[in-house]
Amino acid sequence: MTPSLDTASESTNNNDHLIKSSDPKHPANLIPDLCKKFWGLGWVTGTGGGASIRDDDLVYLAPSGVQKEMMKPEDIYVLKMSKQLDPKKRIYLRSPPTFKPSQCTPLFMAAFTKRDARCCIHSHSQWAVLITLLLEIQSQSRSQSQAQAQTQTSSDSHRVFEINNIEQIKAFGRGYQKQGNLGYHDTLRIPVIENTPFEEDLTESLEEAMDSYPDAYAVLVRRHGVYVWGDTVDKAKAQAESLDYLFQLAVEMRKLGMPWLSDIS
């Protein structure tokens, strides 16, 4: 069993000024607003999922165990990235009095540190889960075929969702530090990692997937959900919505016997 990460507050003052603002675009206001929208989409059902926004050196995080559609700015955690010298002991500038830090925190931090992202969204969308199940069945069928043919092949460390020739693919950037967006004929690739009993234990696998697929803006977690990030809050939201659209479309395509990859260019 993985122990919970140690947490500490930087001072006795809870720094509530960090989450008080009349600006609707302030991270402490925006996270509850986004999570309410995501709840309506079925992405954060039953306290699952979450979101985090980075504002320069400050990181704002939704807490663990909160009904996402009822979240308020005072429920938000705040930490400073430059203070996180020990990943096993997080130092929070501001902590809500009644909740626990999210186990998603190290995964959000991976998106911020490895991709310089400004927002990361964790969705428990059924469409994301169904895609991982379809890939699971596909992988099992391939393994059985290889066994029958008595072939020896090394399996990929990550399953990958791939789709092309769909208009919504144009919502995605070409990759980290690359200019422009993918085109209609381009192939969108989203790696899949194995689930773990504790969310924070996904961190190493997620980072490995990010290294293996440097142009990806998301990582699927088998039988669990998906992490999506972006250079801005708007881009992260647009990519999360577009990805969910593509997941649903792909499930329906599979029902009709249509391939996700096609050569129509």
C-alpha atoms as a PDB file:
ATOM      1  CA  MET A   1       0.000   0.000   0.000  1.00  0.00           C
ATOM      2  CA  THR A   2       1.363   3.390  -0.977  1.00  0.00           C
ATOM      3  CA  PRO A   3       1.423   5.867   1.909  1.00  0.00           C
ATOM      4  CA  SER A   4      -0.127   9.266   1.402  1.00  0.00           C
ATOM      5  CA  LEU A   5       2.225  12.083   0.527  1.00  0.00           C
ATOM      6  CA  ASP A   6       3.278  14.243   3.445  1.00  0.00           C
ATOM      7  CA  THR A   7       1.980  17.783   3.209  1.00  0.00           C
ATOM      8  CA  ALA A   8       2.914  20.949   4.990  1.00  0.00           C
ATOM      9  CA  SER A   9       1.763  24.539   5.094  1.00  0.00           C
ATOM     10  CA  GLU A  10       4.406  27.212   4.588  1.00  0.00           C
ATOM     11  CA  SER A  11       3.054  29.418   7.347  1.00  0.00           C
ATOM     12  CA  THR A  12       0.391  29.593  10.011  1.00  0.00           C
ATOM     13  CA  ASN A  13      -1.400  32.166   7.857  1.00  0.00           C
ATOM     14  CA  ASN A  14      -3.489  30.168   5.393  1.00  0.00           C
ATOM     15  CA  ASN A  15      -2.921  32.745   2.635  1.00  0.00           C
ATOM     16  CA  ASP A  16      -6.592  32.981   1.752  1.00  0.00           C
ATOM     17  CA  HIS A  17      -5.796  36.057  -0.344  1.00  0.00           C
ATOM     18  CA  LEU A  18      -4.472  33.649  -2.975  1.00  0.00           C
ATOM     19  CA  ILE A  19      -7.967  32.359  -3.736  1.00  0.00           C
ATOM     20  CA  LYS A  20      -9.956  35.598  -3.366  1.00  0.00           C
ATOM     21  CA  SER A  21     -10.600  37.509  -6.574  1.00  0.00           C
ATOM     22  CA  SER A  22     -13.531  39.067  -8.425  1.00  0.00           C
ATOM     23  CA  ASP A  23     -11.945  38.075 -11.739  1.00  0.00           C
ATOM     24  CA  PRO A  24     -13.844  35.079 -13.201  1.00  0.00           C
ATOM     25  CA  LYS A  25     -10.625  34.040 -14.984  1.00  0.00           C
ATOM     26  CA  HIS A  26      -8.689  33.769 -11.718  1.00  0.00           C
ATOM     27  CA  PRO A  27      -7.662  30.105 -11.247  1.00  0.00           C
ATOM     28  CA  ALA A  28      -9.516  29.809  -7.924  1.00  0.00           C
ATOM     29  CA  ASN A  29     -12.738  30.874  -9.648  1.00  0.00           C
ATOM     30  CA  LEU A  30     -12.076  29.113 -12.928  1.00  0.00           C
ATOM     31  CA  ILE A  31     -11.401  25.626 -11.520  1.00  0.00           C
ATOM     32  CA  PRO A  32     -14.820  25.332  -9.784  1.00  0.00           C
ATOM     33  CA  ASP A  33     -16.514  26.728 -12.896  1.00  0.00           C
ATOM     34  CA  LEU A  34     -14.739  24.253 -15.178  1.00  0.00           C
ATOM     35  CA  CYS A  35     -15.380  21.319 -12.850  1.00  0.00           C
ATOM     36  CA  LYS A  36     -19.089  22.151 -12.773  1.00  0.00           C
ATOM     37  CA  LYS A  37     -19.115  22.034 -16.581  1.00  0.00           C
ATOM     38  CA  PHE A  38     -17.132  18.783 -16.585  1.00  0.00           C
ATOM     39  CA  TRP A  39     -19.586  17.267 -14.093  1.00  0.00           C
ATOM     40  CA  GLY A  40     -22.383  18.069 -16.543  1.00  0.00           C
ATOM     41  CA  LEU A  41     -20.446  16.171 -19.218  1.00  0.00           C
ATOM     42  CA  GLY A  42     -20.030  13.137 -16.959  1.00  0.00           C
ATOM     43  CA  TRP A  43     -16.272  13.570 -16.642  1.00  0.00           C
ATOM     44  CA  VAL A  44     -16.019  14.028 -12.850  1.00  0.00           C
ATOM     45  CA  THR A  45     -18.812  11.848 -11.494  1.00  0.00           C
ATOM     46  CA  GLY A  46     -18.795  10.890  -7.810  1.00  0.00           C
ATOM     47  CA  THR A  47     -15.847  13.133  -6.789  1.00  0.00           C
ATOM     48  CA  GLY A  48     -13.615  11.538  -9.461  1.00  0.00           C
ATOM     49  CA  GLY A  49     -11.410  13.480 -11.851  1.00  0.00           C
ATOM     50  CA  GLY A  50     -10.191  17.016 -11.347  1.00  0.00           C
ATOM     51  CA  ALA A  51      -8.307  19.978 -12.750  1.00  0.00           C
ATOM     52  CA  SER A  52      -5.290  22.131 -12.021  1.00  0.00           C
ATOM     53  CA  ILE A  53      -4.161  25.506 -13.345  1.00  0.00           C
ATOM     54  CA  ARG A  54      -0.650  26.931 -13.265  1.00  0.00           C
ATOM     55  CA  ASP A  55      -0.227  30.699 -13.000  1.00  0.00           C
ATOM     56  CA  ASP A  56       3.506  31.362 -13.343  1.00  0.00           C
ATOM     57  CA  ASP A  57       5.046  29.734 -10.242  1.00  0.00           C
ATOM     58  CA  LEU A  58       1.721  29.154  -8.473  1.00  0.00           C
ATOM     59  CA  VAL A  59      -0.299  25.971  -8.993  1.00  0.00           C
ATOM     60  CA  TYR A  60      -4.010  25.835  -8.105  1.00  0.00           C
ATOM     61  CA  LEU A  61      -5.542  22.403  -7.519  1.00  0.00           C
ATOM     62  CA  ALA A  62      -8.980  20.934  -6.942  1.00  0.00           C
ATOM     63  CA  PRO A  63      -9.010  18.889  -3.698  1.00  0.00           C
ATOM     64  CA  SER A  64      -9.675  15.195  -3.233  1.00  0.00           C
ATOM     65  CA  GLY A  65     -13.091  13.858  -2.267  1.00  0.00           C
ATOM     66  CA  VAL A  66     -15.144  16.921  -3.148  1.00  0.00           C
ATOM     67  CA  GLN A  67     -18.331  16.908  -5.224  1.00  0.00           C
ATOM     68  CA  LYS A  68     -16.938  18.705  -8.247  1.00  0.00           C
ATOM     69  CA  GLU A  69     -20.206  20.426  -9.193  1.00  0.00           C
ATOM     70  CA  MET A  70     -20.376  21.959  -5.687  1.00  0.00           C
ATOM     71  CA  MET A  71     -16.775  23.128  -5.417  1.00  0.00           C
ATOM     72  CA  LYS A  72     -16.036  26.672  -4.255  1.00  0.00           C
ATOM     73  CA  PRO A  73     -12.892  28.843  -4.496  1.00  0.00           C
ATOM     74  CA  GLU A  74     -12.193  28.311  -0.790  1.00  0.00           C
ATOM     75  CA  ASP A  75     -11.825  24.568  -1.490  1.00  0.00           C
ATOM     76  CA  ILE A  76      -8.758  25.142  -3.679  1.00  0.00           C
ATOM     77  CA  TYR A  77      -5.186  24.174  -2.769  1.00  0.00           C
ATOM     78  CA  VAL A  78      -2.283  26.411  -3.822  1.00  0.00           C
ATOM     79  CA  LEU A  79       1.389  25.502  -4.014  1.00  0.00           C
ATOM     80  CA  LYS A  80       4.510  27.113  -5.425  1.00  0.00           C
ATOM     81  CA  MET A  81       6.350  25.026  -8.027  1.00  0.00           C
ATOM     82  CA  SER A  82       9.786  26.298  -7.033  1.00  0.00           C
ATOM     83  CA  LYS A  83       9.220  25.093  -3.452  1.00  0.00           C
ATOM     84  CA  GLN A  84       8.547  21.467  -4.449  1.00  0.00           C
ATOM     85  CA  LEU A  85      12.049  20.121  -3.893  1.00  0.00           C
ATOM     86  CA  ASP A  86      10.892  16.763  -2.509  1.00  0.00           C
ATOM     87  CA  PRO A  87       8.056  15.138  -4.534  1.00  0.00           C
ATOM     88  CA  LYS A  88       7.141  13.018  -1.510  1.00  0.00           C
ATOM     89  CA  LYS A  89       6.575  16.059   0.706  1.00  0.00           C
ATOM     90  CA  ARG A  90       4.529  18.810  -0.865  1.00  0.00           C
ATOM     91  CA  ILE A  91       4.539  22.282   0.647  1.00  0.00           C
ATOM     92  CA  TYR A  92       1.238  24.106   0.168  1.00  0.00           C
ATOM     93  CA  LEU A  93       0.942  27.866   0.412  1.00  0.00           C
ATOM     94  CA  ARG A  94      -2.771  27.511   0.957  1.00  0.00           C
ATOM     95  CA  SER A  95      -4.845  24.523   2.131  1.00  0.00           C
ATOM     96  CA  PRO A  96      -8.623  24.266   2.641  1.00  0.00           C
ATOM     97  CA  PRO A  97      -9.589  23.317   6.209  1.00  0.00           C
ATOM     98  CA  THR A  98     -11.702  20.234   5.455  1.00  0.00           C
ATOM     99  CA  PHE A  99     -10.290  18.441   2.392  1.00  0.00           C
ATOM    100  CA  LYS A 100      -7.227  16.417   1.431  1.00  0.00           C
ATOM    101  CA  PRO A 101      -4.800  17.136  -1.418  1.00  0.00           C
ATOM    102  CA  SER A 102      -5.617  15.368  -4.653  1.00  0.00           C
ATOM    103  CA  GLN A 103      -3.663  12.215  -5.487  1.00  0.00           C
ATOM    104  CA  CYS A 104      -3.618  13.622  -9.036  1.00  0.00           C
ATOM    105  CA  THR A 105      -1.183  16.332  -7.910  1.00  0.00           C
ATOM    106  CA  PRO A 106       2.075  14.641  -9.055  1.00  0.00           C
ATOM    107  CA  LEU A 107       0.503  13.877 -12.443  1.00  0.00           C
ATOM    108  CA  PHE A 108      -0.600  17.476 -12.883  1.00  0.00           C
ATOM    109  CA  MET A 109       2.899  18.549 -11.884  1.00  0.00           C
ATOM    110  CA  ALA A 110       4.369  16.267 -14.560  1.00  0.00           C
ATOM    111  CA  ALA A 111       2.397  18.144 -17.221  1.00  0.00           C
ATOM    112  CA  PHE A 112       3.588  21.482 -15.819  1.00  0.00           C
ATOM    113  CA  THR A 113       7.258  20.532 -15.498  1.00  0.00           C
ATOM    114  CA  LYS A 114       7.744  18.304 -18.559  1.00  0.00           C
ATOM    115  CA  ARG A 115       5.468  20.185 -20.996  1.00  0.00           C
ATOM    116  CA  ASP A 116       5.355  23.683 -19.508  1.00  0.00           C
ATOM    117  CA  ALA A 117       1.555  23.311 -19.545  1.00  0.00           C
ATOM    118  CA  ARG A 118      -0.687  25.895 -17.912  1.00  0.00           C
ATOM    119  CA  CYS A 119      -3.682  23.630 -17.316  1.00  0.00           C
ATOM    120  CA  CYS A 120      -4.197  19.901 -16.839  1.00  0.00           C
ATOM    121  CA  ILE A 121      -7.581  18.156 -16.769  1.00  0.00           C
ATOM    122  CA  HIS A 122      -8.278  14.662 -15.460  1.00  0.00           C
ATOM    123  CA  SER A 123     -11.467  13.104 -16.825  1.00  0.00           C
ATOM    124  CA  HIS A 124     -13.246   9.876 -15.898  1.00  0.00           C
ATOM    125  CA  SER A 125     -15.258  10.016 -19.123  1.00  0.00           C
ATOM    126  CA  GLN A 126     -16.923   6.723 -20.040  1.00  0.00           C
ATOM    127  CA  TRP A 127     -15.800   7.237 -23.637  1.00  0.00           C
ATOM    128  CA  ALA A 128     -12.160   7.383 -22.555  1.00  0.00           C
ATOM    129  CA  VAL A 129     -12.590   4.184 -20.541  1.00  0.00           C
ATOM    130  CA  LEU A 130     -14.346   2.441 -23.443  1.00  0.00           C
ATOM    131  CA  ILE A 131     -11.487   3.318 -25.791  1.00  0.00           C
ATOM    132  CA  THR A 132      -8.996   1.656 -23.448  1.00  0.00           C
ATOM    133  CA  LEU A 133     -11.229  -1.424 -23.289  1.00  0.00           C
ATOM    134  CA  LEU A 134     -11.444  -1.617 -27.082  1.00  0.00           C
ATOM    135  CA  LEU A 135      -7.660  -1.326 -27.300  1.00  0.00           C
ATOM    136  CA  GLU A 136      -7.391  -4.030 -24.653  1.00  0.00           C
ATOM    137  CA  ILE A 137      -9.533  -6.399 -26.748  1.00  0.00           C
ATOM    138  CA  GLN A 138      -7.545  -5.484 -29.857  1.00  0.00           C
ATOM    139  CA  SER A 139      -4.271  -6.252 -28.086  1.00  0.00           C
ATOM    140  CA  GLN A 140      -5.573  -9.599 -26.821  1.00  0.00           C
ATOM    141  CA  SER A 141      -6.716 -10.589 -30.314  1.00  0.00           C
ATOM    142  CA  ARG A 142      -3.322  -9.671 -31.746  1.00  0.00           C
ATOM    143  CA  SER A 143      -1.535 -11.697 -29.061  1.00  0.00           C
ATOM    144  CA  GLN A 144      -3.687 -14.743 -29.802  1.00  0.00           C
ATOM    145  CA  SER A 145      -2.979 -14.433 -33.525  1.00  0.00           C
ATOM    146  CA  GLN A 146       0.745 -14.223 -32.875  1.00  0.00           C
ATOM    147  CA  ALA A 147       0.593 -17.267 -30.607  1.00  0.00           C
ATOM    148  CA  GLN A 148      -1.244 -19.270 -33.260  1.00  0.00           C
ATOM    149  CA  ALA A 149       1.354 -18.239 -35.827  1.00  0.00           C
ATOM    150  CA  GLN A 150       4.088 -19.135 -33.313  1.00  0.00           C
ATOM    151  CA  THR A 151       5.769 -15.772 -33.749  1.00  0.00           C
ATOM    152  CA  GLN A 152       7.885 -14.013 -31.184  1.00  0.00           C
ATOM    153  CA  THR A 153       7.380 -10.257 -31.053  1.00  0.00           C
ATOM    154  CA  SER A 154       8.132  -7.766 -28.340  1.00  0.00           C
ATOM    155  CA  SER A 155       4.999  -5.999 -27.119  1.00  0.00           C
ATOM    156  CA  ASP A 156       4.880  -2.207 -26.952  1.00  0.00           C
ATOM    157  CA  SER A 157       5.204  -0.779 -23.463  1.00  0.00           C
ATOM    158  CA  HIS A 158       2.157   1.423 -24.208  1.00  0.00           C
ATOM    159  CA  ARG A 159      -0.974   0.754 -26.205  1.00  0.00           C
ATOM    160  CA  VAL A 160      -1.832   3.704 -28.405  1.00  0.00           C
ATOM    161  CA  PHE A 161      -5.122   5.165 -29.599  1.00  0.00           C
ATOM    162  CA  GLU A 162      -4.699   6.359 -33.190  1.00  0.00           C
ATOM    163  CA  ILE A 163      -7.189   8.087 -35.467  1.00  0.00           C
ATOM    164  CA  ASN A 164      -6.918  10.177 -38.638  1.00  0.00           C
ATOM    165  CA  ASN A 165      -8.965  11.874 -41.357  1.00  0.00           C
ATOM    166  CA  ILE A 166     -11.437  13.384 -38.878  1.00  0.00           C
ATOM    167  CA  GLU A 167     -12.017  17.158 -38.800  1.00  0.00           C
ATOM    168  CA  GLN A 168     -11.869  17.458 -34.988  1.00  0.00           C
ATOM    169  CA  ILE A 169      -8.204  16.392 -35.018  1.00  0.00           C
ATOM    170  CA  LYS A 170      -7.426  19.974 -36.089  1.00  0.00           C
ATOM    171  CA  ALA A 171      -8.078  21.097 -32.492  1.00  0.00           C
ATOM    172  CA  PHE A 172      -4.741  19.623 -31.373  1.00  0.00           C
ATOM    173  CA  GLY A 173      -1.330  21.227 -31.477  1.00  0.00           C
ATOM    174  CA  ARG A 174       1.467  19.537 -33.408  1.00  0.00           C
ATOM    175  CA  GLY A 175       3.396  18.900 -30.231  1.00  0.00           C
ATOM    176  CA  TYR A 176       5.516  20.396 -27.495  1.00  0.00           C
ATOM    177  CA  GLN A 177       7.421  23.481 -28.719  1.00  0.00           C
ATOM    178  CA  LYS A 178       6.055  23.001 -32.247  1.00  0.00           C
ATOM    179  CA  GLN A 179       4.092  25.600 -34.187  1.00  0.00           C
ATOM    180  CA  GLY A 180       0.587  25.134 -35.531  1.00  0.00           C
ATOM    181  CA  ASN A 181      -2.067  22.457 -35.208  1.00  0.00           C
ATOM    182  CA  LEU A 182      -2.538  19.010 -36.665  1.00  0.00           C
ATOM    183  CA  GLY A 183      -4.279  18.812 -40.023  1.00  0.00           C
ATOM    184  CA  TYR A 184      -7.315  16.837 -41.090  1.00  0.00           C
ATOM    185  CA  HIS A 185      -5.184  14.064 -42.647  1.00  0.00           C
ATOM    186  CA  ASP A 186      -2.726  13.836 -39.730  1.00  0.00           C
ATOM    187  CA  THR A 187      -2.804  10.966 -37.256  1.00  0.00           C
ATOM    188  CA  LEU A 188      -3.567  11.787 -33.628  1.00  0.00           C
ATOM    189  CA  ARG A 189      -1.810   9.411 -31.213  1.00  0.00           C
ATOM    190  CA  ILE A 190      -2.678   9.076 -27.522  1.00  0.00           C
ATOM    191  CA  PRO A 191      -0.663   6.558 -25.451  1.00  0.00           C
ATOM    192  CA  VAL A 192      -2.294   4.302 -22.867  1.00  0.00           C
ATOM    193  CA  ILE A 193      -0.765   3.372 -19.507  1.00  0.00           C
ATOM    194  CA  GLU A 194      -1.803   0.737 -16.990  1.00  0.00           C
ATOM    195  CA  ASN A 195      -3.955   1.713 -14.032  1.00  0.00           C
ATOM    196  CA  THR A 196      -2.715   1.411 -10.438  1.00  0.00           C
ATOM    197  CA  PRO A 197      -4.544   1.074  -7.092  1.00  0.00           C
ATOM    198  CA  PHE A 198      -3.324   4.536  -6.055  1.00  0.00           C
ATOM    199  CA  GLU A 199      -3.485   7.493  -8.441  1.00  0.00           C
ATOM    200  CA  GLU A 200      -0.131   8.957  -7.467  1.00  0.00           C
ATOM    201  CA  ASP A 201       1.541   5.673  -8.492  1.00  0.00           C
ATOM    202  CA  LEU A 202       0.635   6.474 -12.113  1.00  0.00           C
ATOM    203  CA  THR A 203       3.216   9.262 -12.184  1.00  0.00           C
ATOM    204  CA  GLU A 204       6.209   7.265 -13.421  1.00  0.00           C
ATOM    205  CA  SER A 205       4.222   5.562 -16.191  1.00  0.00           C
ATOM    206  CA  LEU A 206       2.686   8.860 -17.267  1.00  0.00           C
ATOM    207  CA  GLU A 207       6.111  10.497 -17.461  1.00  0.00           C
ATOM    208  CA  GLU A 208       7.459   7.550 -19.484  1.00  0.00           C
ATOM    209  CA  ALA A 209       4.529   7.858 -21.897  1.00  0.00           C
ATOM    210  CA  MET A 210       5.197  11.590 -22.242  1.00  0.00           C
ATOM    211  CA  ASP A 211       8.831  10.828 -23.083  1.00  0.00           C
ATOM    212  CA  SER A 212       7.855   8.142 -25.608  1.00  0.00           C
ATOM    213  CA  TYR A 213       5.206  10.346 -27.255  1.00  0.00           C
ATOM    214  CA  PRO A 214       6.549  13.906 -26.979  1.00  0.00           C
ATOM    215  CA  ASP A 215       3.908  15.309 -29.338  1.00  0.00           C
ATOM    216  CA  ALA A 216       0.943  13.966 -27.346  1.00  0.00           C
ATOM    217  CA  TYR A 217      -1.233  16.332 -25.313  1.00  0.00           C
ATOM    218  CA  ALA A 218      -2.923  13.523 -23.395  1.00  0.00           C
ATOM    219  CA  VAL A 219      -2.386  10.116 -21.813  1.00  0.00           C
ATOM    220  CA  LEU A 220      -5.121   7.514 -21.376  1.00  0.00           C
ATOM    221  CA  VAL A 221      -5.216   5.334 -18.260  1.00  0.00           C
ATOM    222  CA  ARG A 222      -6.619   1.859 -18.878  1.00  0.00           C
ATOM    223  CA  ARG A 223     -10.073   1.285 -17.343  1.00  0.00           C
ATOM    224  CA  HIS A 224      -9.752   4.660 -15.588  1.00  0.00           C
ATOM    225  CA  GLY A 225      -9.822   7.824 -17.699  1.00  0.00           C
ATOM    226  CA  VAL A 226      -7.549  10.363 -19.353  1.00  0.00           C
ATOM    227  CA  TYR A 227      -5.192  13.248 -18.512  1.00  0.00           C
ATOM    228  CA  VAL A 228      -5.213  16.169 -20.970  1.00  0.00           C
ATOM    229  CA  TRP A 229      -3.107  19.327 -20.804  1.00  0.00           C
ATOM    230  CA  GLY A 230      -2.583  22.493 -22.803  1.00  0.00           C
ATOM    231  CA  ASP A 231      -0.473  25.619 -23.178  1.00  0.00           C
ATOM    232  CA  THR A 232      -3.410  27.663 -21.871  1.00  0.00           C
ATOM    233  CA  VAL A 233      -6.617  26.908 -19.999  1.00  0.00           C
ATOM    234  CA  ASP A 234      -8.621  27.451 -23.181  1.00  0.00           C
ATOM    235  CA  LYS A 235      -6.423  25.062 -25.168  1.00  0.00           C
ATOM    236  CA  ALA A 236      -6.555  22.380 -22.484  1.00  0.00           C
ATOM    237  CA  LYS A 237     -10.356  22.651 -22.361  1.00  0.00           C
ATOM    238  CA  ALA A 238     -10.683  22.599 -26.164  1.00  0.00           C
ATOM    239  CA  GLN A 239      -8.405  19.583 -26.459  1.00  0.00           C
ATOM    240  CA  ALA A 240     -10.209  17.719 -23.677  1.00  0.00           C
ATOM    241  CA  GLU A 241     -13.576  18.354 -25.347  1.00  0.00           C
ATOM    242  CA  SER A 242     -12.254  17.422 -28.784  1.00  0.00           C
ATOM    243  CA  LEU A 243     -10.661  14.258 -27.466  1.00  0.00           C
ATOM    244  CA  ASP A 244     -13.893  13.172 -25.811  1.00  0.00           C
ATOM    245  CA  TYR A 245     -15.709  13.816 -29.111  1.00  0.00           C
ATOM    246  CA  LEU A 246     -13.160  11.638 -30.930  1.00  0.00           C
ATOM    247  CA  PHE A 247     -13.411   8.885 -28.306  1.00  0.00           C
ATOM    248  CA  GLN A 248     -17.191   8.744 -28.678  1.00  0.00           C
ATOM    249  CA  LEU A 249     -16.911   8.830 -32.460  1.00  0.00           C
ATOM    250  CA  ALA A 250     -14.328   6.029 -32.395  1.00  0.00           C
ATOM    251  CA  VAL A 251     -16.584   3.828 -30.256  1.00  0.00           C
ATOM    252  CA  GLU A 252     -19.444   4.331 -32.719  1.00  0.00           C
ATOM    253  CA  MET A 253     -17.119   3.689 -35.675  1.00  0.00           C
ATOM    254  CA  ARG A 254     -16.036   0.404 -34.137  1.00  0.00           C
ATOM    255  CA  LYS A 255     -19.695  -0.625 -33.763  1.00  0.00           C
ATOM    256  CA  LEU A 256     -20.107  -0.095 -37.508  1.00  0.00           C
ATOM    257  CA  GLY A 257     -16.935  -2.001 -38.314  1.00  0.00           C
ATOM    258  CA  MET A 258     -15.153   1.131 -39.516  1.00  0.00           C
ATOM    259  CA  PRO A 259     -11.382   1.516 -38.979  1.00  0.00           C
ATOM    260  CA  TRP A 260      -9.965   4.416 -37.000  1.00  0.00           C
ATOM    261  CA  LEU A 261      -7.125   4.770 -39.493  1.00  0.00           C
ATOM    262  CA  SER A 262      -7.920   5.216 -43.180  1.00  0.00           C
ATOM    263  CA  ASP A 263      -6.047   6.192 -46.323  1.00  0.00           C
ATOM    264  CA  ILE A 264      -8.288   8.690 -48.087  1.00  0.00           C
ATOM    265  CA  SER A 265      -5.734  11.421 -48.769  1.00  0.00           C
END
